[in-house]
Amino acid sequence: MEIAFRRYRIMSFVTGTTLLTLFVALLLHQVDLSLWKHLSIVVRIDGIAHGFVMYPLYMIASFQMVLKFRLPLALLLLMLIAGFLPGVAFYLEHRLRLKFYPQGLPPK
């Protein structure tokens, strides 16, 4: 079960980071349209990385964690939504870590 949580934690950080950088790049584009020439490549690469690679891997890690820990399906839905809202994946991972490992994760 610890391995499933570690996979979920890694994918939560990676997916959350790609989503946050994509959000910041698009926000900067809205603030200053001249930045789009410089940010368009970042948005393309980050968008593809998040949408086609990281989020599907995050979904698989979430499904695996729900099955291993026998969590309710409502939590699975919340985990999947967290992959779309910037910053929520970090918060949800933190709450789940406190719930399942209050003294911290044991060493490998």
PDB file of N, CA and C in Angstrom:
ATOM      1  N   MET A   1       0.816  -1.182   0.000  1.00  0.00           N
ATOM      2  CA  MET A   1       0.000   0.000   0.000  1.00  0.00           C
ATOM      3  C   MET A   1       0.869   1.258   0.000  1.00  0.00           C
ATOM      4  N   GLU A   2       2.020   1.143   0.639  1.00  0.00           N
ATOM      5  CA  GLU A   2       2.922   2.295   0.690  1.00  0.00           C
ATOM      6  C   GLU A   2       3.433   2.656  -0.701  1.00  0.00           C
ATOM      7  N   ILE A   3       3.670   1.649  -1.536  1.00  0.00           N
ATOM      8  CA  ILE A   3       4.153   1.904  -2.881  1.00  0.00           C
ATOM      9  C   ILE A   3       3.086   2.631  -3.702  1.00  0.00           C
ATOM     10  N   ALA A   4       1.836   2.233  -3.534  1.00  0.00           N
ATOM     11  CA  ALA A   4       0.746   2.899  -4.258  1.00  0.00           C
ATOM     12  C   ALA A   4       0.645   4.361  -3.838  1.00  0.00           C
ATOM     13  N   PHE A   5       0.825   4.621  -2.553  1.00  0.00           N
ATOM     14  CA  PHE A   5       0.764   6.010  -2.108  1.00  0.00           C
ATOM     15  C   PHE A   5       1.948   6.813  -2.614  1.00  0.00           C
ATOM     16  N   ARG A   6       3.128   6.205  -2.642  1.00  0.00           N
ATOM     17  CA  ARG A   6       4.304   6.921  -3.160  1.00  0.00           C
ATOM     18  C   ARG A   6       4.127   7.256  -4.640  1.00  0.00           C
ATOM     19  N   ARG A   7       3.564   6.310  -5.418  1.00  0.00           N
ATOM     20  CA  ARG A   7       3.308   6.597  -6.833  1.00  0.00           C
ATOM     21  C   ARG A   7       2.304   7.735  -6.976  1.00  0.00           C
ATOM     22  N   TYR A   8       1.239   7.682  -6.175  1.00  0.00           N
ATOM     23  CA  TYR A   8       0.242   8.747  -6.229  1.00  0.00           C
ATOM     24  C   TYR A   8       0.869  10.083  -5.851  1.00  0.00           C
ATOM     25  N   ARG A   9       1.708  10.075  -4.859  1.00  0.00           N
ATOM     26  CA  ARG A   9       2.334  11.317  -4.387  1.00  0.00           C
ATOM     27  C   ARG A   9       3.230  11.919  -5.461  1.00  0.00           C
ATOM     28  N   ILE A  10       4.034  11.110  -6.108  1.00  0.00           N
ATOM     29  CA  ILE A  10       4.916  11.591  -7.174  1.00  0.00           C
ATOM     30  C   ILE A  10       4.094  12.150  -8.328  1.00  0.00           C
ATOM     31  N   MET A  11       3.075  11.413  -8.743  1.00  0.00           N
ATOM     32  CA  MET A  11       2.260  11.877  -9.863  1.00  0.00           C
ATOM     33  C   MET A  11       1.456  13.115  -9.496  1.00  0.00           C
ATOM     34  N   SER A  12       1.080  13.232  -8.229  1.00  0.00           N
ATOM     35  CA  SER A  12       0.368  14.424  -7.784  1.00  0.00           C
ATOM     36  C   SER A  12       1.261  15.652  -7.894  1.00  0.00           C
ATOM     37  N   PHE A  13       2.501  15.523  -7.460  1.00  0.00           N
ATOM     38  CA  PHE A  13       3.441  16.643  -7.554  1.00  0.00           C
ATOM     39  C   PHE A  13       3.747  17.003  -9.006  1.00  0.00           C
ATOM     40  N   VAL A  14       4.009  16.012  -9.834  1.00  0.00           N
ATOM     41  CA  VAL A  14       4.378  16.272 -11.224  1.00  0.00           C
ATOM     42  C   VAL A  14       3.183  16.860 -11.987  1.00  0.00           C
ATOM     43  N   THR A  15       2.017  16.254 -11.830  1.00  0.00           N
ATOM     44  CA  THR A  15       0.824  16.752 -12.516  1.00  0.00           C
ATOM     45  C   THR A  15       0.451  18.138 -12.015  1.00  0.00           C
ATOM     46  N   GLY A  16       0.511  18.348 -10.721  1.00  0.00           N
ATOM     47  CA  GLY A  16       0.200  19.662 -10.157  1.00  0.00           C
ATOM     48  C   GLY A  16       1.170  20.728 -10.625  1.00  0.00           C
ATOM     49  N   THR A  17       2.437  20.370 -10.748  1.00  0.00           N
ATOM     50  CA  THR A  17       3.441  21.336 -11.205  1.00  0.00           C
ATOM     51  C   THR A  17       3.227  21.709 -12.669  1.00  0.00           C
ATOM     52  N   THR A  18       2.964  20.717 -13.520  1.00  0.00           N
ATOM     53  CA  THR A  18       2.723  21.045 -14.931  1.00  0.00           C
ATOM     54  C   THR A  18       1.457  21.880 -15.084  1.00  0.00           C
ATOM     55  N   LEU A  19       0.444  21.594 -14.287  1.00  0.00           N
ATOM     56  CA  LEU A  19      -0.786  22.383 -14.365  1.00  0.00           C
ATOM     57  C   LEU A  19      -0.565  23.808 -13.875  1.00  0.00           C
ATOM     58  N   LEU A  20       0.195  23.967 -12.800  1.00  0.00           N
ATOM     59  CA  LEU A  20       0.470  25.311 -12.302  1.00  0.00           C
ATOM     60  C   LEU A  20       1.297  26.133 -13.287  1.00  0.00           C
ATOM     61  N   THR A  21       2.296  25.535 -13.896  1.00  0.00           N
ATOM     62  CA  THR A  21       3.095  26.286 -14.869  1.00  0.00           C
ATOM     63  C   THR A  21       2.267  26.648 -16.097  1.00  0.00           C
ATOM     64  N   LEU A  22       1.381  25.751 -16.510  1.00  0.00           N
ATOM     65  CA  LEU A  22       0.490  26.060 -17.623  1.00  0.00           C
ATOM     66  C   LEU A  22      -0.459  27.194 -17.259  1.00  0.00           C
ATOM     67  N   PHE A  23      -0.989  27.165 -16.055  1.00  0.00           N
ATOM     68  CA  PHE A  23      -1.893  28.214 -15.589  1.00  0.00           C
ATOM     69  C   PHE A  23      -1.184  29.561 -15.521  1.00  0.00           C
ATOM     70  N   VAL A  24       0.027  29.586 -14.984  1.00  0.00           N
ATOM     71  CA  VAL A  24       0.778  30.839 -14.877  1.00  0.00           C
ATOM     72  C   VAL A  24       1.124  31.383 -16.261  1.00  0.00           C
ATOM     73  N   ALA A  25       1.506  30.508 -17.181  1.00  0.00           N
ATOM     74  CA  ALA A  25       1.839  30.963 -18.531  1.00  0.00           C
ATOM     75  C   ALA A  25       0.613  31.554 -19.218  1.00  0.00           C
ATOM     76  N   LEU A  26      -0.524  30.906 -19.060  1.00  0.00           N
ATOM     77  CA  LEU A  26      -1.742  31.448 -19.677  1.00  0.00           C
ATOM     78  C   LEU A  26      -2.198  32.727 -18.989  1.00  0.00           C
ATOM     79  N   LEU A  27      -1.976  32.829 -17.694  1.00  0.00           N
ATOM     80  CA  LEU A  27      -2.319  34.058 -16.979  1.00  0.00           C
ATOM     81  C   LEU A  27      -1.427  35.207 -17.435  1.00  0.00           C
ATOM     82  N   LEU A  28      -0.143  34.944 -17.601  1.00  0.00           N
ATOM     83  CA  LEU A  28       0.766  35.972 -18.104  1.00  0.00           C
ATOM     84  C   LEU A  28       0.401  36.395 -19.519  1.00  0.00           C
ATOM     85  N   HIS A  29      -0.083  35.464 -20.294  1.00  0.00           N
ATOM     86  CA  HIS A  29      -0.522  35.801 -21.654  1.00  0.00           C
ATOM     87  C   HIS A  29      -1.714  36.761 -21.605  1.00  0.00           C
ATOM     88  N   GLN A  30      -2.607  36.560 -20.663  1.00  0.00           N
ATOM     89  CA  GLN A  30      -3.764  37.446 -20.560  1.00  0.00           C
ATOM     90  C   GLN A  30      -3.362  38.837 -20.074  1.00  0.00           C
ATOM     91  N   VAL A  31      -2.321  38.911 -19.258  1.00  0.00           N
ATOM     92  CA  VAL A  31      -1.876  40.201 -18.733  1.00  0.00           C
ATOM     93  C   VAL A  31      -1.156  41.002 -19.808  1.00  0.00           C
ATOM     94  N   ASP A  32      -0.274  40.360 -20.543  1.00  0.00           N
ATOM     95  CA  ASP A  32       0.521  41.057 -21.556  1.00  0.00           C
ATOM     96  C   ASP A  32       0.541  40.204 -22.823  1.00  0.00           C
ATOM     97  N   LEU A  33      -0.159  40.649 -23.834  1.00  0.00           N
ATOM     98  CA  LEU A  33      -0.270  39.869 -25.068  1.00  0.00           C
ATOM     99  C   LEU A  33       1.049  39.744 -25.814  1.00  0.00           C
ATOM    100  N   SER A  34       1.981  40.645 -25.578  1.00  0.00           N
ATOM    101  CA  SER A  34       3.271  40.547 -26.268  1.00  0.00           C
ATOM    102  C   SER A  34       4.112  39.380 -25.733  1.00  0.00           C
ATOM    103  N   LEU A  35       3.765  38.887 -24.551  1.00  0.00           N
ATOM    104  CA  LEU A  35       4.494  37.735 -24.004  1.00  0.00           C
ATOM    105  C   LEU A  35       4.172  36.440 -24.740  1.00  0.00           C
ATOM    106  N   TRP A  36       3.090  36.438 -25.519  1.00  0.00           N
ATOM    107  CA  TRP A  36       2.668  35.195 -26.151  1.00  0.00           C
ATOM    108  C   TRP A  36       3.721  34.645 -27.103  1.00  0.00           C
ATOM    109  N   LYS A  37       4.493  35.512 -27.742  1.00  0.00           N
ATOM    110  CA  LYS A  37       5.550  35.042 -28.647  1.00  0.00           C
ATOM    111  C   LYS A  37       6.560  34.193 -27.887  1.00  0.00           C
ATOM    112  N   HIS A  38       6.812  34.557 -26.641  1.00  0.00           N
ATOM    113  CA  HIS A  38       7.802  33.833 -25.839  1.00  0.00           C
ATOM    114  C   HIS A  38       7.182  32.660 -25.083  1.00  0.00           C
ATOM    115  N   LEU A  39       5.916  32.768 -24.730  1.00  0.00           N
ATOM    116  CA  LEU A  39       5.273  31.743 -23.904  1.00  0.00           C
ATOM    117  C   LEU A  39       4.558  30.668 -24.705  1.00  0.00           C
ATOM    118  N   SER A  40       4.348  30.866 -25.985  1.00  0.00           N
ATOM    119  CA  SER A  40       3.557  29.903 -26.758  1.00  0.00           C
ATOM    120  C   SER A  40       4.207  28.524 -26.770  1.00  0.00           C
ATOM    121  N   ILE A  41       5.521  28.458 -26.870  1.00  0.00           N
ATOM    122  CA  ILE A  41       6.195  27.155 -26.865  1.00  0.00           C
ATOM    123  C   ILE A  41       6.067  26.479 -25.503  1.00  0.00           C
ATOM    124  N   VAL A  42       6.126  27.263 -24.431  1.00  0.00           N
ATOM    125  CA  VAL A  42       5.959  26.705 -23.082  1.00  0.00           C
ATOM    126  C   VAL A  42       4.555  26.146 -22.917  1.00  0.00           C
ATOM    127  N   VAL A  43       3.571  26.891 -23.403  1.00  0.00           N
ATOM    128  CA  VAL A  43       2.182  26.443 -23.280  1.00  0.00           C
ATOM    129  C   VAL A  43       1.951  25.181 -24.104  1.00  0.00           C
ATOM    130  N   ARG A  44       2.516  25.124 -25.280  1.00  0.00           N
ATOM    131  CA  ARG A  44       2.336  23.928 -26.120  1.00  0.00           C
ATOM    132  C   ARG A  44       2.978  22.698 -25.476  1.00  0.00           C
ATOM    133  N   ILE A  45       4.210  22.838 -25.054  1.00  0.00           N
ATOM    134  CA  ILE A  45       4.916  21.687 -24.465  1.00  0.00           C
ATOM    135  C   ILE A  45       4.273  21.289 -23.144  1.00  0.00           C
ATOM    136  N   ASP A  46       3.988  22.264 -22.299  1.00  0.00           N
ATOM    137  CA  ASP A  46       3.404  21.978 -20.995  1.00  0.00           C
ATOM    138  C   ASP A  46       1.982  21.434 -21.135  1.00  0.00           C
ATOM    139  N   GLY A  47       1.224  21.967 -22.081  1.00  0.00           N
ATOM    140  CA  GLY A  47      -0.137  21.483 -22.292  1.00  0.00           C
ATOM    141  C   GLY A  47      -0.160  20.037 -22.750  1.00  0.00           C
ATOM    142  N   ILE A  48       0.726  19.701 -23.673  1.00  0.00           N
ATOM    143  CA  ILE A  48       0.799  18.320 -24.144  1.00  0.00           C
ATOM    144  C   ILE A  48       1.297  17.409 -23.029  1.00  0.00           C
ATOM    145  N   ALA A  49       2.312  17.856 -22.290  1.00  0.00           N
ATOM    146  CA  ALA A  49       2.848  17.041 -21.195  1.00  0.00           C
ATOM    147  C   ALA A  49       1.775  16.781 -20.139  1.00  0.00           C
ATOM    148  N   HIS A  50       1.029  17.818 -19.784  1.00  0.00           N
ATOM    149  CA  HIS A  50       0.000  17.636 -18.759  1.00  0.00           C
ATOM    150  C   HIS A  50      -1.176  16.814 -19.281  1.00  0.00           C
ATOM    151  N   GLY A  51      -1.667  17.152 -20.466  1.00  0.00           N
ATOM    152  CA  GLY A  51      -2.891  16.532 -20.958  1.00  0.00           C
ATOM    153  C   GLY A  51      -2.750  15.117 -21.463  1.00  0.00           C
ATOM    154  N   PHE A  52      -1.637  14.822 -22.125  1.00  0.00           N
ATOM    155  CA  PHE A  52      -1.499  13.517 -22.753  1.00  0.00           C
ATOM    156  C   PHE A  52      -0.587  12.549 -22.007  1.00  0.00           C
ATOM    157  N   VAL A  53       0.231  13.053 -21.097  1.00  0.00           N
ATOM    158  CA  VAL A  53       1.172  12.172 -20.400  1.00  0.00           C
ATOM    159  C   VAL A  53       0.910  12.159 -18.897  1.00  0.00           C
ATOM    160  N   MET A  54       1.013  13.308 -18.262  1.00  0.00           N
ATOM    161  CA  MET A  54       0.969  13.359 -16.801  1.00  0.00           C
ATOM    162  C   MET A  54      -0.413  13.060 -16.222  1.00  0.00           C
ATOM    163  N   TYR A  55      -1.455  13.662 -16.789  1.00  0.00           N
ATOM    164  CA  TYR A  55      -2.784  13.445 -16.220  1.00  0.00           C
ATOM    165  C   TYR A  55      -3.246  11.993 -16.357  1.00  0.00           C
ATOM    166  N   PRO A  56      -3.047  11.317 -17.496  1.00  0.00           N
ATOM    167  CA  PRO A  56      -3.411   9.895 -17.536  1.00  0.00           C
ATOM    168  C   PRO A  56      -2.624   9.047 -16.536  1.00  0.00           C
ATOM    169  N   LEU A  57      -1.339   9.349 -16.344  1.00  0.00           N
ATOM    170  CA  LEU A  57      -0.568   8.616 -15.340  1.00  0.00           C
ATOM    171  C   LEU A  57      -1.076   8.923 -13.935  1.00  0.00           C
ATOM    172  N   TYR A  58      -1.478  10.165 -13.694  1.00  0.00           N
ATOM    173  CA  TYR A  58      -2.067  10.565 -12.413  1.00  0.00           C
ATOM    174  C   TYR A  58      -3.382   9.821 -12.186  1.00  0.00           C
ATOM    175  N   MET A  59      -4.178   9.655 -13.241  1.00  0.00           N
ATOM    176  CA  MET A  59      -5.437   8.918 -13.107  1.00  0.00           C
ATOM    177  C   MET A  59      -5.174   7.466 -12.741  1.00  0.00           C
ATOM    178  N   ILE A  60      -4.202   6.851 -13.370  1.00  0.00           N
ATOM    179  CA  ILE A  60      -3.865   5.456 -13.069  1.00  0.00           C
ATOM    180  C   ILE A  60      -3.394   5.327 -11.622  1.00  0.00           C
ATOM    181  N   ALA A  61      -2.543   6.246 -11.174  1.00  0.00           N
ATOM    182  CA  ALA A  61      -2.063   6.204  -9.789  1.00  0.00           C
ATOM    183  C   ALA A  61      -3.212   6.427  -8.814  1.00  0.00           C
ATOM    184  N   SER A  62      -4.159   7.284  -9.159  1.00  0.00           N
ATOM    185  CA  SER A  62      -5.316   7.527  -8.292  1.00  0.00           C
ATOM    186  C   SER A  62      -6.192   6.285  -8.202  1.00  0.00           C
ATOM    187  N   PHE A  63      -6.473   5.653  -9.346  1.00  0.00           N
ATOM    188  CA  PHE A  63      -7.262   4.416  -9.340  1.00  0.00           C
ATOM    189  C   PHE A  63      -6.589   3.344  -8.502  1.00  0.00           C
ATOM    190  N   GLN A  64      -5.290   3.198  -8.671  1.00  0.00           N
ATOM    191  CA  GLN A  64      -4.559   2.180  -7.930  1.00  0.00           C
ATOM    192  C   GLN A  64      -4.622   2.457  -6.426  1.00  0.00           C
ATOM    193  N   MET A  65      -4.482   3.708  -6.044  1.00  0.00           N
ATOM    194  CA  MET A  65      -4.534   4.049  -4.623  1.00  0.00           C
ATOM    195  C   MET A  65      -5.925   3.803  -4.048  1.00  0.00           C
ATOM    196  N   VAL A  66      -6.957   4.148  -4.787  1.00  0.00           N
ATOM    197  CA  VAL A  66      -8.320   3.917  -4.311  1.00  0.00           C
ATOM    198  C   VAL A  66      -8.567   2.422  -4.133  1.00  0.00           C
ATOM    199  N   LEU A  67      -8.074   1.609  -5.044  1.00  0.00           N
ATOM    200  CA  LEU A  67      -8.256   0.164  -4.922  1.00  0.00           C
ATOM    201  C   LEU A  67      -7.456  -0.415  -3.752  1.00  0.00           C
ATOM    202  N   LYS A  68      -6.214   0.017  -3.585  1.00  0.00           N
ATOM    203  CA  LYS A  68      -5.370  -0.529  -2.514  1.00  0.00           C
ATOM    204  C   LYS A  68      -5.867  -0.125  -1.129  1.00  0.00           C
ATOM    205  N   PHE A  69      -6.287   1.136  -0.977  1.00  0.00           N
ATOM    206  CA  PHE A  69      -6.708   1.641   0.329  1.00  0.00           C
ATOM    207  C   PHE A  69      -8.209   1.472   0.564  1.00  0.00           C
ATOM    208  N   ARG A  70      -8.928   0.979  -0.463  1.00  0.00           N
ATOM    209  CA  ARG A  70     -10.385   0.807  -0.398  1.00  0.00           C
ATOM    210  C   ARG A  70     -11.083   2.104  -0.012  1.00  0.00           C
ATOM    211  N   LEU A  71     -10.771   3.137  -0.752  1.00  0.00           N
ATOM    212  CA  LEU A  71     -11.334   4.463  -0.508  1.00  0.00           C
ATOM    213  C   LEU A  71     -12.672   4.591  -1.232  1.00  0.00           C
ATOM    214  N   PRO A  72     -13.523   5.507  -0.781  1.00  0.00           N
ATOM    215  CA  PRO A  72     -14.817   5.688  -1.456  1.00  0.00           C
ATOM    216  C   PRO A  72     -14.642   6.307  -2.848  1.00  0.00           C
ATOM    217  N   LEU A  73     -15.603   6.042  -3.705  1.00  0.00           N
ATOM    218  CA  LEU A  73     -15.529   6.551  -5.074  1.00  0.00           C
ATOM    219  C   LEU A  73     -15.640   8.068  -5.120  1.00  0.00           C
ATOM    220  N   ALA A  74     -16.273   8.680  -4.121  1.00  0.00           N
ATOM    221  CA  ALA A  74     -16.349  10.143  -4.077  1.00  0.00           C
ATOM    222  C   ALA A  74     -14.943  10.744  -3.948  1.00  0.00           C
ATOM    223  N   LEU A  75     -14.080  10.079  -3.202  1.00  0.00           N
ATOM    224  CA  LEU A  75     -12.703  10.556  -3.075  1.00  0.00           C
ATOM    225  C   LEU A  75     -11.954  10.393  -4.403  1.00  0.00           C
ATOM    226  N   LEU A  76     -12.248   9.315  -5.117  1.00  0.00           N
ATOM    227  CA  LEU A  76     -11.641   9.142  -6.441  1.00  0.00           C
ATOM    228  C   LEU A  76     -12.066  10.274  -7.364  1.00  0.00           C
ATOM    229  N   LEU A  77     -13.321  10.635  -7.337  1.00  0.00           N
ATOM    230  CA  LEU A  77     -13.795  11.743  -8.158  1.00  0.00           C
ATOM    231  C   LEU A  77     -13.086  13.037  -7.772  1.00  0.00           C
ATOM    232  N   LEU A  78     -12.916  13.257  -6.479  1.00  0.00           N
ATOM    233  CA  LEU A  78     -12.203  14.449  -6.012  1.00  0.00           C
ATOM    234  C   LEU A  78     -10.743  14.424  -6.460  1.00  0.00           C
ATOM    235  N   MET A  79     -10.119  13.264  -6.440  1.00  0.00           N
ATOM    236  CA  MET A  79      -8.736  13.140  -6.890  1.00  0.00           C
ATOM    237  C   MET A  79      -8.623  13.443  -8.380  1.00  0.00           C
ATOM    238  N   LEU A  80      -9.584  12.988  -9.167  1.00  0.00           N
ATOM    239  CA  LEU A  80      -9.533  13.232 -10.605  1.00  0.00           C
ATOM    240  C   LEU A  80      -9.799  14.695 -10.930  1.00  0.00           C
ATOM    241  N   ILE A  81     -10.665  15.335 -10.178  1.00  0.00           N
ATOM    242  CA  ILE A  81     -10.922  16.768 -10.371  1.00  0.00           C
ATOM    243  C   ILE A  81      -9.697  17.581  -9.970  1.00  0.00           C
ATOM    244  N   ALA A  82      -8.954  17.102  -8.977  1.00  0.00           N
ATOM    245  CA  ALA A  82      -7.761  17.822  -8.524  1.00  0.00           C
ATOM    246  C   ALA A  82      -6.714  17.942  -9.620  1.00  0.00           C
ATOM    247  N   GLY A  83      -6.749  17.064 -10.607  1.00  0.00           N
ATOM    248  CA  GLY A  83      -5.823  17.156 -11.725  1.00  0.00           C
ATOM    249  C   GLY A  83      -6.160  18.265 -12.699  1.00  0.00           C
ATOM    250  N   PHE A  84      -7.343  18.878 -12.541  1.00  0.00           N
ATOM    251  CA  PHE A  84      -7.764  19.970 -13.423  1.00  0.00           C
ATOM    252  C   PHE A  84      -7.709  21.335 -12.764  1.00  0.00           C
ATOM    253  N   LEU A  85      -7.679  21.387 -11.446  1.00  0.00           N
ATOM    254  CA  LEU A  85      -7.694  22.661 -10.729  1.00  0.00           C
ATOM    255  C   LEU A  85      -6.305  22.962 -10.192  1.00  0.00           C
ATOM    256  N   PRO A  86      -5.710  24.088 -10.577  1.00  0.00           N
ATOM    257  CA  PRO A  86      -4.340  24.400 -10.151  1.00  0.00           C
ATOM    258  C   PRO A  86      -4.205  24.484  -8.635  1.00  0.00           C
ATOM    259  N   GLY A  87      -3.272  23.732  -8.089  1.00  0.00           N
ATOM    260  CA  GLY A  87      -2.972  23.774  -6.668  1.00  0.00           C
ATOM    261  C   GLY A  87      -3.731  22.770  -5.831  1.00  0.00           C
ATOM    262  N   VAL A  88      -4.836  22.242  -6.319  1.00  0.00           N
ATOM    263  CA  VAL A  88      -5.670  21.342  -5.522  1.00  0.00           C
ATOM    264  C   VAL A  88      -4.995  19.982  -5.344  1.00  0.00           C
ATOM    265  N   ALA A  89      -4.234  19.537  -6.325  1.00  0.00           N
ATOM    266  CA  ALA A  89      -3.552  18.246  -6.216  1.00  0.00           C
ATOM    267  C   ALA A  89      -2.561  18.239  -5.053  1.00  0.00           C
ATOM    268  N   PHE A  90      -1.881  19.369  -4.842  1.00  0.00           N
ATOM    269  CA  PHE A  90      -0.936  19.461  -3.721  1.00  0.00           C
ATOM    270  C   PHE A  90      -1.673  19.368  -2.384  1.00  0.00           C
ATOM    271  N   TYR A  91      -2.778  20.082  -2.280  1.00  0.00           N
ATOM    272  CA  TYR A  91      -3.555  20.090  -1.038  1.00  0.00           C
ATOM    273  C   TYR A  91      -4.139  18.708  -0.749  1.00  0.00           C
ATOM    274  N   LEU A  92      -4.699  18.075  -1.764  1.00  0.00           N
ATOM    275  CA  LEU A  92      -5.303  16.760  -1.561  1.00  0.00           C
ATOM    276  C   LEU A  92      -4.249  15.723  -1.182  1.00  0.00           C
ATOM    277  N   GLU A  93      -3.098  15.787  -1.815  1.00  0.00           N
ATOM    278  CA  GLU A  93      -2.016  14.857  -1.449  1.00  0.00           C
ATOM    279  C   GLU A  93      -1.588  15.072  -0.013  1.00  0.00           C
ATOM    280  N   HIS A  94      -1.498  16.315   0.406  1.00  0.00           N
ATOM    281  CA  HIS A  94      -1.116  16.630   1.783  1.00  0.00           C
ATOM    282  C   HIS A  94      -2.138  16.079   2.773  1.00  0.00           C
ATOM    283  N   ARG A  95      -3.417  16.263   2.487  1.00  0.00           N
ATOM    284  CA  ARG A  95      -4.469  15.769   3.378  1.00  0.00           C
ATOM    285  C   ARG A  95      -4.460  14.241   3.455  1.00  0.00           C
ATOM    286  N   LEU A  96      -4.251  13.590   2.331  1.00  0.00           N
ATOM    287  CA  LEU A  96      -4.214  12.125   2.334  1.00  0.00           C
ATOM    288  C   LEU A  96      -2.982  11.604   3.060  1.00  0.00           C
ATOM    289  N   ARG A  97      -1.854  12.302   2.924  1.00  0.00           N
ATOM    290  CA  ARG A  97      -0.652  11.882   3.646  1.00  0.00           C
ATOM    291  C   ARG A  97      -0.871  11.994   5.146  1.00  0.00           C
ATOM    292  N   LEU A  98      -1.501  13.068   5.580  1.00  0.00           N
ATOM    293  CA  LEU A  98      -1.782  13.220   7.012  1.00  0.00           C
ATOM    294  C   LEU A  98      -2.774  12.173   7.505  1.00  0.00           C
ATOM    295  N   LYS A  99      -3.703  11.789   6.660  1.00  0.00           N
ATOM    296  CA  LYS A  99      -4.708  10.793   7.053  1.00  0.00           C
ATOM    297  C   LYS A  99      -4.100   9.393   7.184  1.00  0.00           C
ATOM    298  N   PHE A 100      -3.300   8.990   6.205  1.00  0.00           N
ATOM    299  CA  PHE A 100      -2.780   7.630   6.187  1.00  0.00           C
ATOM    300  C   PHE A 100      -1.433   7.465   6.896  1.00  0.00           C
ATOM    301  N   TYR A 101      -0.631   8.512   6.912  1.00  0.00           N
ATOM    302  CA  TYR A 101       0.691   8.450   7.530  1.00  0.00           C
ATOM    303  C   TYR A 101       0.899   9.678   8.418  1.00  0.00           C
ATOM    304  N   PRO A 102       0.239   9.741   9.574  1.00  0.00           N
ATOM    305  CA  PRO A 102       0.364  10.937  10.415  1.00  0.00           C
ATOM    306  C   PRO A 102       1.781  11.180  10.945  1.00  0.00           C
ATOM    307  N   GLN A 103       2.576  10.130  11.133  1.00  0.00           N
ATOM    308  CA  GLN A 103       3.958  10.305  11.607  1.00  0.00           C
ATOM    309  C   GLN A 103       4.927  10.460  10.450  1.00  0.00           C
ATOM    310  N   GLY A 104       4.452  10.496   9.234  1.00  0.00           N
ATOM    311  CA  GLY A 104       5.316  10.605   8.060  1.00  0.00           C
ATOM    312  C   GLY A 104       5.481   9.257   7.391  1.00  0.00           C
ATOM    313  N   LEU A 105       5.880   9.305   6.154  1.00  0.00           N
ATOM    314  CA  LEU A 105       6.090   8.074   5.419  1.00  0.00           C
ATOM    315  C   LEU A 105       7.284   7.313   5.969  1.00  0.00           C
ATOM    316  N   PRO A 106       7.163   5.999   6.103  1.00  0.00           N
ATOM    317  CA  PRO A 106       8.326   5.235   6.545  1.00  0.00           C
ATOM    318  C   PRO A 106       9.400   5.224   5.468  1.00  0.00           C
ATOM    319  N   PRO A 107      10.647   5.112   5.863  1.00  0.00           N
ATOM    320  CA  PRO A 107      11.738   5.073   4.874  1.00  0.00           C
ATOM    321  C   PRO A 107      11.612   3.821   4.013  1.00  0.00           C
ATOM    322  N   LYS A 108      12.186   3.886   2.821  1.00  0.00           N
ATOM    323  CA  LYS A 108      12.111   2.740   1.886  1.00  0.00           C
ATOM    324  C   LYS A 108      12.808   1.537   2.446  1.00  0.00           C
TER     325      LYS A 108
END
